[in-house]
Amino acid sequence: MVFKIQGPFLTEVGEIARFTGRFFREVTKPRQEWEEFINQCYWVGYKSLTLVGITAFIMGLVLTIQSRPTLVEFGAASLLPAMVSVSLVREISPVITALICAGKIGSGMGAELGSMRVTEQIDAMEVSGTNPFKYLVVTRVLASTLMVPVLSSLAIAISIYGGYLGVNIRGEVSWSLYWFQAYDALSYGDFIPGFVKTFFFGFAIGIVGTYKGYTSKKGTEGVGQSATTAVIVASLLVFVLDLLAVQLMDLMGLT
């Protein structure tokens, strides 16, 4: 029974690893599909900005409101801007942004490429002499790898602004004082590790989403399964990568 459970899982891991290896081989070969890459950056980045921005704003606002009573109880209300900014920059904003992208981008890639696979559009591209892997997979993985860090950086700024409004709901803190306290509590050691790991988040989301769609089977039913499993696996990988990043930062003394 144990081997029956482990077999498909290990097979899936091996297939994703082989798919990732093919990506690294194809990405170094000419000719690059720059037009499609820019188009994917638009869809992955700009089209996700509204959802990420609204979520980040609410996240910063709610975190501040929920944290204030505890800090007031200990007489540390003045530390609220610093606490909020450090929490958002180091962990909350990058992870939540990645999870949003896993749901929106991962499922979109899985459904789109899955539809192309079951309708034999990918096969038609191969017959016509086009490299569908480079055109469909490489461009999307590179776009998600690049745009998730950009979205995360914007989410950090928006969420900290949401924290400013949250601070002023029950109290009164000037604009300049809030931002001084928020930024004074931060260092490059807070921002850089969180920023770097978002590249890995974006890469994982792109690889999983394109893999699930590119290898989709079982007709239209497989398209739905590709989109669903892409979200699940990508979200799980985000948490695993975040755990590894936190452990690595702890070993390096950056926590």
C-alpha atoms as a PDB file:
ATOM      1  CA  MET A   1       0.000   0.000   0.000  1.00  0.00           C
ATOM      2  CA  VAL A   2       2.843   2.354   0.801  1.00  0.00           C
ATOM      3  CA  PHE A   3       4.447   1.788  -2.592  1.00  0.00           C
ATOM      4  CA  LYS A   4       1.143   2.445  -4.340  1.00  0.00           C
ATOM      5  CA  ILE A   5       0.995   5.844  -2.670  1.00  0.00           C
ATOM      6  CA  GLN A   6       4.621   6.721  -3.240  1.00  0.00           C
ATOM      7  CA  GLY A   7       4.855   5.495  -6.841  1.00  0.00           C
ATOM      8  CA  PRO A   8       2.678   8.134  -8.586  1.00  0.00           C
ATOM      9  CA  PHE A   9       4.103  10.871  -6.369  1.00  0.00           C
ATOM     10  CA  LEU A  10       7.711  10.019  -7.172  1.00  0.00           C
ATOM     11  CA  THR A  11       6.838   9.654 -10.850  1.00  0.00           C
ATOM     12  CA  GLU A  12       5.270  13.115 -10.820  1.00  0.00           C
ATOM     13  CA  VAL A  13       8.321  14.597  -9.108  1.00  0.00           C
ATOM     14  CA  GLY A  14      10.583  13.008 -11.701  1.00  0.00           C
ATOM     15  CA  GLU A  15       8.461  14.308 -14.589  1.00  0.00           C
ATOM     16  CA  ILE A  16       8.475  17.845 -13.195  1.00  0.00           C
ATOM     17  CA  ALA A  17      12.255  17.646 -12.715  1.00  0.00           C
ATOM     18  CA  ARG A  18      12.702  16.504 -16.313  1.00  0.00           C
ATOM     19  CA  PHE A  19      10.340  19.264 -17.483  1.00  0.00           C
ATOM     20  CA  THR A  20      12.411  21.813 -15.527  1.00  0.00           C
ATOM     21  CA  GLY A  21      15.628  20.471 -17.074  1.00  0.00           C
ATOM     22  CA  ARG A  22      14.142  20.885 -20.529  1.00  0.00           C
ATOM     23  CA  PHE A  23      13.245  24.471 -19.652  1.00  0.00           C
ATOM     24  CA  PHE A  24      16.868  25.292 -18.802  1.00  0.00           C
ATOM     25  CA  ARG A  25      18.033  23.687 -22.054  1.00  0.00           C
ATOM     26  CA  GLU A  26      15.514  25.572 -24.178  1.00  0.00           C
ATOM     27  CA  VAL A  27      15.950  28.961 -22.511  1.00  0.00           C
ATOM     28  CA  THR A  28      19.579  29.190 -23.671  1.00  0.00           C
ATOM     29  CA  LYS A  29      18.849  28.361 -27.298  1.00  0.00           C
ATOM     30  CA  PRO A  30      18.092  30.998 -29.904  1.00  0.00           C
ATOM     31  CA  ARG A  31      15.717  32.309 -31.090  1.00  0.00           C
ATOM     32  CA  GLN A  32      14.033  33.987 -28.110  1.00  0.00           C
ATOM     33  CA  GLU A  33      10.327  34.794 -28.303  1.00  0.00           C
ATOM     34  CA  TRP A  34      10.610  38.340 -26.957  1.00  0.00           C
ATOM     35  CA  GLU A  35       7.231  39.518 -28.228  1.00  0.00           C
ATOM     36  CA  GLU A  36       5.397  36.665 -26.527  1.00  0.00           C
ATOM     37  CA  PHE A  37       7.515  37.168 -23.380  1.00  0.00           C
ATOM     38  CA  ILE A  38       6.469  40.827 -23.144  1.00  0.00           C
ATOM     39  CA  ASN A  39       2.862  39.838 -23.781  1.00  0.00           C
ATOM     40  CA  GLN A  40       3.026  37.317 -20.934  1.00  0.00           C
ATOM     41  CA  CYS A  41       4.602  39.916 -18.619  1.00  0.00           C
ATOM     42  CA  TYR A  42       1.581  42.112 -19.337  1.00  0.00           C
ATOM     43  CA  TRP A  43      -0.888  39.329 -18.533  1.00  0.00           C
ATOM     44  CA  VAL A  44       0.998  37.986 -15.528  1.00  0.00           C
ATOM     45  CA  GLY A  45       1.993  41.338 -14.052  1.00  0.00           C
ATOM     46  CA  TYR A  46      -0.375  44.121 -15.049  1.00  0.00           C
ATOM     47  CA  LYS A  47      -3.508  41.987 -15.112  1.00  0.00           C
ATOM     48  CA  SER A  48      -2.756  40.729 -11.598  1.00  0.00           C
ATOM     49  CA  LEU A  49      -1.904  44.129 -10.128  1.00  0.00           C
ATOM     50  CA  THR A  50      -5.457  45.091  -9.125  1.00  0.00           C
ATOM     51  CA  LEU A  51      -6.093  41.855  -7.225  1.00  0.00           C
ATOM     52  CA  VAL A  52      -2.675  41.948  -5.552  1.00  0.00           C
ATOM     53  CA  GLY A  53      -3.047  45.630  -4.656  1.00  0.00           C
ATOM     54  CA  ILE A  54      -6.488  45.267  -3.075  1.00  0.00           C
ATOM     55  CA  THR A  55      -5.399  42.200  -1.119  1.00  0.00           C
ATOM     56  CA  ALA A  56      -2.200  43.910   0.074  1.00  0.00           C
ATOM     57  CA  PHE A  57      -4.091  47.006   1.221  1.00  0.00           C
ATOM     58  CA  ILE A  58      -6.627  44.980   3.210  1.00  0.00           C
ATOM     59  CA  MET A  59      -3.842  42.798   4.596  1.00  0.00           C
ATOM     60  CA  GLY A  60      -1.901  45.787   5.966  1.00  0.00           C
ATOM     61  CA  LEU A  61      -5.054  47.388   7.340  1.00  0.00           C
ATOM     62  CA  VAL A  62      -6.301  44.249   9.089  1.00  0.00           C
ATOM     63  CA  LEU A  63      -2.874  43.335  10.488  1.00  0.00           C
ATOM     64  CA  THR A  64      -2.563  46.785  12.071  1.00  0.00           C
ATOM     65  CA  ILE A  65      -6.070  46.765  13.528  1.00  0.00           C
ATOM     66  CA  GLN A  66      -5.663  43.259  14.953  1.00  0.00           C
ATOM     67  CA  SER A  67      -2.207  43.943  16.425  1.00  0.00           C
ATOM     68  CA  ARG A  68      -2.994  47.264  18.060  1.00  0.00           C
ATOM     69  CA  PRO A  69      -4.955  45.993  21.133  1.00  0.00           C
ATOM     70  CA  THR A  70      -2.164  43.634  22.171  1.00  0.00           C
ATOM     71  CA  LEU A  71       0.520  46.303  21.862  1.00  0.00           C
ATOM     72  CA  VAL A  72      -1.640  48.827  23.728  1.00  0.00           C
ATOM     73  CA  GLU A  73      -2.099  46.305  26.551  1.00  0.00           C
ATOM     74  CA  PHE A  74       1.675  46.128  26.993  1.00  0.00           C
ATOM     75  CA  GLY A  75       2.144  49.869  26.544  1.00  0.00           C
ATOM     76  CA  ALA A  76       3.959  49.444  23.253  1.00  0.00           C
ATOM     77  CA  ALA A  77       1.544  51.127  20.853  1.00  0.00           C
ATOM     78  CA  SER A  78       4.394  53.289  19.530  1.00  0.00           C
ATOM     79  CA  LEU A  79       6.027  50.135  18.122  1.00  0.00           C
ATOM     80  CA  LEU A  80       3.038  49.377  15.881  1.00  0.00           C
ATOM     81  CA  PRO A  81       4.433  50.947  12.655  1.00  0.00           C
ATOM     82  CA  ALA A  82       7.740  49.131  13.097  1.00  0.00           C
ATOM     83  CA  MET A  83       6.095  45.789  13.838  1.00  0.00           C
ATOM     84  CA  VAL A  84       3.743  46.052  10.885  1.00  0.00           C
ATOM     85  CA  SER A  85       6.442  47.053   8.404  1.00  0.00           C
ATOM     86  CA  VAL A  86       8.868  44.303   9.439  1.00  0.00           C
ATOM     87  CA  SER A  87       6.140  41.631   9.361  1.00  0.00           C
ATOM     88  CA  LEU A  88       4.901  42.692   5.942  1.00  0.00           C
ATOM     89  CA  VAL A  89       8.323  43.065   4.344  1.00  0.00           C
ATOM     90  CA  ARG A  90       9.931  39.900   5.668  1.00  0.00           C
ATOM     91  CA  GLU A  91       7.137  37.383   5.346  1.00  0.00           C
ATOM     92  CA  ILE A  92       3.499  38.297   4.889  1.00  0.00           C
ATOM     93  CA  SER A  93       3.473  40.326   1.660  1.00  0.00           C
ATOM     94  CA  PRO A  94       5.825  38.058  -0.351  1.00  0.00           C
ATOM     95  CA  VAL A  95       4.005  34.861   0.649  1.00  0.00           C
ATOM     96  CA  ILE A  96       0.467  36.198   0.207  1.00  0.00           C
ATOM     97  CA  THR A  97       1.402  37.677  -3.172  1.00  0.00           C
ATOM     98  CA  ALA A  98       2.849  34.343  -4.261  1.00  0.00           C
ATOM     99  CA  LEU A  99      -0.291  32.506  -3.145  1.00  0.00           C
ATOM    100  CA  ILE A 100      -2.484  34.921  -5.085  1.00  0.00           C
ATOM    101  CA  CYS A 101      -0.326  34.421  -8.157  1.00  0.00           C
ATOM    102  CA  ALA A 102      -0.437  30.648  -7.669  1.00  0.00           C
ATOM    103  CA  GLY A 103      -4.217  30.809  -7.760  1.00  0.00           C
ATOM    104  CA  LYS A 104      -4.584  33.250 -10.618  1.00  0.00           C
ATOM    105  CA  ILE A 105      -1.517  32.670 -12.783  1.00  0.00           C
ATOM    106  CA  GLY A 106      -0.999  28.969 -12.104  1.00  0.00           C
ATOM    107  CA  SER A 107      -4.585  28.031 -12.832  1.00  0.00           C
ATOM    108  CA  GLY A 108      -4.653  30.276 -15.901  1.00  0.00           C
ATOM    109  CA  MET A 109      -1.550  28.674 -17.380  1.00  0.00           C
ATOM    110  CA  GLY A 110      -2.810  25.184 -16.600  1.00  0.00           C
ATOM    111  CA  ALA A 111      -6.184  25.821 -18.194  1.00  0.00           C
ATOM    112  CA  GLU A 112      -4.817  27.658 -21.236  1.00  0.00           C
ATOM    113  CA  LEU A 113      -2.100  25.168 -22.141  1.00  0.00           C
ATOM    114  CA  GLY A 114      -4.380  22.272 -21.235  1.00  0.00           C
ATOM    115  CA  SER A 115      -6.986  23.523 -23.683  1.00  0.00           C
ATOM    116  CA  MET A 116      -4.333  23.878 -26.359  1.00  0.00           C
ATOM    117  CA  ARG A 117      -3.118  20.346 -25.682  1.00  0.00           C
ATOM    118  CA  VAL A 118      -6.521  18.632 -25.841  1.00  0.00           C
ATOM    119  CA  THR A 119      -7.533  20.582 -28.968  1.00  0.00           C
ATOM    120  CA  GLU A 120      -4.216  19.552 -30.602  1.00  0.00           C
ATOM    121  CA  GLN A 121      -3.024  23.135 -31.111  1.00  0.00           C
ATOM    122  CA  ILE A 122       0.348  22.244 -29.592  1.00  0.00           C
ATOM    123  CA  ASP A 123       0.660  19.302 -31.995  1.00  0.00           C
ATOM    124  CA  ALA A 124      -0.165  21.633 -34.887  1.00  0.00           C
ATOM    125  CA  MET A 125       2.611  24.011 -33.784  1.00  0.00           C
ATOM    126  CA  GLU A 126       5.107  21.131 -33.807  1.00  0.00           C
ATOM    127  CA  VAL A 127       4.014  20.081 -37.312  1.00  0.00           C
ATOM    128  CA  SER A 128       4.359  23.648 -38.596  1.00  0.00           C
ATOM    129  CA  GLY A 129       7.979  23.817 -37.428  1.00  0.00           C
ATOM    130  CA  THR A 130       7.400  26.051 -34.393  1.00  0.00           C
ATOM    131  CA  ASN A 131       8.944  25.111 -31.067  1.00  0.00           C
ATOM    132  CA  PRO A 132       5.860  25.091 -28.814  1.00  0.00           C
ATOM    133  CA  PHE A 133       7.899  24.521 -25.660  1.00  0.00           C
ATOM    134  CA  LYS A 134       9.922  27.689 -26.134  1.00  0.00           C
ATOM    135  CA  TYR A 135       6.915  29.726 -27.286  1.00  0.00           C
ATOM    136  CA  LEU A 136       4.429  28.532 -24.666  1.00  0.00           C
ATOM    137  CA  VAL A 137       6.468  27.359 -21.682  1.00  0.00           C
ATOM    138  CA  VAL A 138       9.716  29.344 -21.621  1.00  0.00           C
ATOM    139  CA  THR A 139       8.011  32.705 -22.079  1.00  0.00           C
ATOM    140  CA  ARG A 140       5.453  32.048 -19.357  1.00  0.00           C
ATOM    141  CA  VAL A 141       7.969  30.736 -16.828  1.00  0.00           C
ATOM    142  CA  LEU A 142      10.292  33.699 -17.403  1.00  0.00           C
ATOM    143  CA  ALA A 143       7.388  36.135 -17.143  1.00  0.00           C
ATOM    144  CA  SER A 144       6.175  34.702 -13.843  1.00  0.00           C
ATOM    145  CA  THR A 145       9.743  34.581 -12.479  1.00  0.00           C
ATOM    146  CA  LEU A 146      10.195  38.271 -13.273  1.00  0.00           C
ATOM    147  CA  MET A 147       6.764  39.656 -12.438  1.00  0.00           C
ATOM    148  CA  VAL A 148       6.062  37.967  -9.077  1.00  0.00           C
ATOM    149  CA  PRO A 149       8.943  39.908  -7.403  1.00  0.00           C
ATOM    150  CA  VAL A 150       7.630  43.125  -8.960  1.00  0.00           C
ATOM    151  CA  LEU A 151       4.116  42.429  -7.693  1.00  0.00           C
ATOM    152  CA  SER A 152       5.513  41.541  -4.266  1.00  0.00           C
ATOM    153  CA  SER A 153       7.414  44.841  -4.039  1.00  0.00           C
ATOM    154  CA  LEU A 154       4.294  46.801  -4.956  1.00  0.00           C
ATOM    155  CA  ALA A 155       2.276  44.764  -2.458  1.00  0.00           C
ATOM    156  CA  ILE A 156       4.737  45.682   0.293  1.00  0.00           C
ATOM    157  CA  ALA A 157       4.347  49.405  -0.403  1.00  0.00           C
ATOM    158  CA  ILE A 158       0.548  49.198  -0.608  1.00  0.00           C
ATOM    159  CA  SER A 159       0.224  47.071   2.517  1.00  0.00           C
ATOM    160  CA  ILE A 160       2.393  49.441   4.557  1.00  0.00           C
ATOM    161  CA  TYR A 161       0.147  52.297   3.404  1.00  0.00           C
ATOM    162  CA  GLY A 162      -2.832  50.223   4.539  1.00  0.00           C
ATOM    163  CA  GLY A 163      -1.082  49.934   7.892  1.00  0.00           C
ATOM    164  CA  TYR A 164      -0.901  53.735   8.062  1.00  0.00           C
ATOM    165  CA  LEU A 165      -4.667  53.980   7.724  1.00  0.00           C
ATOM    166  CA  GLY A 166      -5.087  51.198  10.291  1.00  0.00           C
ATOM    167  CA  VAL A 167      -2.950  53.078  12.823  1.00  0.00           C
ATOM    168  CA  ASN A 168      -5.062  56.213  12.410  1.00  0.00           C
ATOM    169  CA  ILE A 169      -8.418  54.477  12.865  1.00  0.00           C
ATOM    170  CA  ARG A 170      -8.023  54.355  16.673  1.00  0.00           C
ATOM    171  CA  GLY A 171      -5.157  56.784  17.097  1.00  0.00           C
ATOM    172  CA  GLU A 172      -3.544  59.728  15.393  1.00  0.00           C
ATOM    173  CA  VAL A 173      -0.090  59.376  13.879  1.00  0.00           C
ATOM    174  CA  SER A 174       1.237  61.889  11.371  1.00  0.00           C
ATOM    175  CA  TRP A 175       2.216  60.784   7.877  1.00  0.00           C
ATOM    176  CA  SER A 176       5.887  61.647   8.328  1.00  0.00           C
ATOM    177  CA  LEU A 177       6.168  60.022  11.775  1.00  0.00           C
ATOM    178  CA  TYR A 178       4.553  56.774  10.622  1.00  0.00           C
ATOM    179  CA  TRP A 179       6.796  56.370   7.602  1.00  0.00           C
ATOM    180  CA  PHE A 180       9.874  57.340   9.604  1.00  0.00           C
ATOM    181  CA  GLN A 181       9.138  54.672  12.204  1.00  0.00           C
ATOM    182  CA  ALA A 182       8.228  52.090   9.541  1.00  0.00           C
ATOM    183  CA  TYR A 183      11.398  52.587   7.516  1.00  0.00           C
ATOM    184  CA  ASP A 184      13.666  53.100  10.512  1.00  0.00           C
ATOM    185  CA  ALA A 185      12.818  49.576  11.687  1.00  0.00           C
ATOM    186  CA  LEU A 186      13.812  48.060   8.336  1.00  0.00           C
ATOM    187  CA  SER A 187      17.200  47.127   6.967  1.00  0.00           C
ATOM    188  CA  TYR A 188      18.494  45.507   3.799  1.00  0.00           C
ATOM    189  CA  GLY A 189      18.568  42.249   5.720  1.00  0.00           C
ATOM    190  CA  ASP A 190      14.783  42.480   6.009  1.00  0.00           C
ATOM    191  CA  PHE A 191      14.005  43.307   2.394  1.00  0.00           C
ATOM    192  CA  ILE A 192      16.570  41.413   0.321  1.00  0.00           C
ATOM    193  CA  PRO A 193      15.868  37.842   1.573  1.00  0.00           C
ATOM    194  CA  GLY A 194      12.125  38.316   1.093  1.00  0.00           C
ATOM    195  CA  PHE A 195      12.684  39.828  -2.335  1.00  0.00           C
ATOM    196  CA  VAL A 196      15.061  37.109  -3.506  1.00  0.00           C
ATOM    197  CA  LYS A 197      12.768  34.252  -2.537  1.00  0.00           C
ATOM    198  CA  THR A 198       9.944  35.721  -4.641  1.00  0.00           C
ATOM    199  CA  PHE A 199      11.991  34.873  -7.752  1.00  0.00           C
ATOM    200  CA  PHE A 200      11.870  31.224  -6.681  1.00  0.00           C
ATOM    201  CA  PHE A 201       8.152  31.547  -5.940  1.00  0.00           C
ATOM    202  CA  GLY A 202       7.521  32.906  -9.427  1.00  0.00           C
ATOM    203  CA  PHE A 203       9.659  30.235 -11.049  1.00  0.00           C
ATOM    204  CA  ALA A 204       7.865  27.448  -9.180  1.00  0.00           C
ATOM    205  CA  ILE A 205       4.445  28.851 -10.094  1.00  0.00           C
ATOM    206  CA  GLY A 206       5.412  29.124 -13.763  1.00  0.00           C
ATOM    207  CA  ILE A 207       6.939  25.645 -13.956  1.00  0.00           C
ATOM    208  CA  VAL A 208       4.014  23.928 -12.239  1.00  0.00           C
ATOM    209  CA  GLY A 209       1.347  25.819 -14.186  1.00  0.00           C
ATOM    210  CA  THR A 210       2.927  25.189 -17.576  1.00  0.00           C
ATOM    211  CA  TYR A 211       3.792  21.569 -16.751  1.00  0.00           C
ATOM    212  CA  LYS A 212       0.246  20.721 -15.729  1.00  0.00           C
ATOM    213  CA  GLY A 213      -1.176  22.346 -18.843  1.00  0.00           C
ATOM    214  CA  TYR A 214       1.459  21.131 -21.300  1.00  0.00           C
ATOM    215  CA  THR A 215       1.051  17.500 -20.199  1.00  0.00           C
ATOM    216  CA  SER A 216      -2.732  17.633 -19.809  1.00  0.00           C
ATOM    217  CA  LYS A 217      -4.713  14.531 -20.837  1.00  0.00           C
ATOM    218  CA  LYS A 218      -8.245  13.053 -20.744  1.00  0.00           C
ATOM    219  CA  GLY A 219      -9.911  15.724 -22.868  1.00  0.00           C
ATOM    220  CA  THR A 220     -11.875  18.582 -21.311  1.00  0.00           C
ATOM    221  CA  GLU A 221     -11.902  16.819 -17.941  1.00  0.00           C
ATOM    222  CA  GLY A 222      -8.119  16.939 -17.955  1.00  0.00           C
ATOM    223  CA  VAL A 223      -8.168  20.714 -18.480  1.00  0.00           C
ATOM    224  CA  GLY A 224     -10.068  21.206 -15.230  1.00  0.00           C
ATOM    225  CA  GLN A 225      -7.768  18.814 -13.419  1.00  0.00           C
ATOM    226  CA  SER A 226      -4.719  20.640 -14.776  1.00  0.00           C
ATOM    227  CA  ALA A 227      -5.950  24.002 -13.525  1.00  0.00           C
ATOM    228  CA  THR A 228      -6.914  22.631 -10.111  1.00  0.00           C
ATOM    229  CA  THR A 229      -3.751  20.638  -9.470  1.00  0.00           C
ATOM    230  CA  ALA A 230      -1.599  23.528 -10.709  1.00  0.00           C
ATOM    231  CA  VAL A 231      -2.996  25.746  -7.937  1.00  0.00           C
ATOM    232  CA  ILE A 232      -2.606  23.067  -5.268  1.00  0.00           C
ATOM    233  CA  VAL A 233       0.947  22.059  -6.167  1.00  0.00           C
ATOM    234  CA  ALA A 234       2.128  25.640  -6.737  1.00  0.00           C
ATOM    235  CA  SER A 235       0.696  26.793  -3.389  1.00  0.00           C
ATOM    236  CA  LEU A 236       2.332  23.870  -1.614  1.00  0.00           C
ATOM    237  CA  LEU A 237       5.679  24.649  -3.265  1.00  0.00           C
ATOM    238  CA  VAL A 238       5.410  28.273  -2.143  1.00  0.00           C
ATOM    239  CA  PHE A 239       5.132  27.150   1.485  1.00  0.00           C
ATOM    240  CA  VAL A 240       7.945  24.623   1.112  1.00  0.00           C
ATOM    241  CA  LEU A 241      10.252  27.178  -0.514  1.00  0.00           C
ATOM    242  CA  ASP A 242       9.363  29.734   2.148  1.00  0.00           C
ATOM    243  CA  LEU A 243      10.225  27.232   4.883  1.00  0.00           C
ATOM    244  CA  LEU A 244      13.573  26.476   3.247  1.00  0.00           C
ATOM    245  CA  ALA A 245      14.286  30.190   2.818  1.00  0.00           C
ATOM    246  CA  VAL A 246      13.527  30.913   6.487  1.00  0.00           C
ATOM    247  CA  GLN A 247      15.767  28.060   7.616  1.00  0.00           C
ATOM    248  CA  LEU A 248      18.561  29.254   5.330  1.00  0.00           C
ATOM    249  CA  MET A 249      18.269  32.833   6.605  1.00  0.00           C
ATOM    250  CA  ASP A 250      18.347  31.552  10.162  1.00  0.00           C
ATOM    251  CA  LEU A 251      21.555  29.621   9.466  1.00  0.00           C
ATOM    252  CA  MET A 252      23.059  32.734   7.874  1.00  0.00           C
ATOM    253  CA  GLY A 253      22.082  34.861  10.878  1.00  0.00           C
ATOM    254  CA  LEU A 254      19.720  37.109   8.924  1.00  0.00           C
ATOM    255  CA  THR A 255      16.644  36.497  11.089  1.00  0.00           C
END
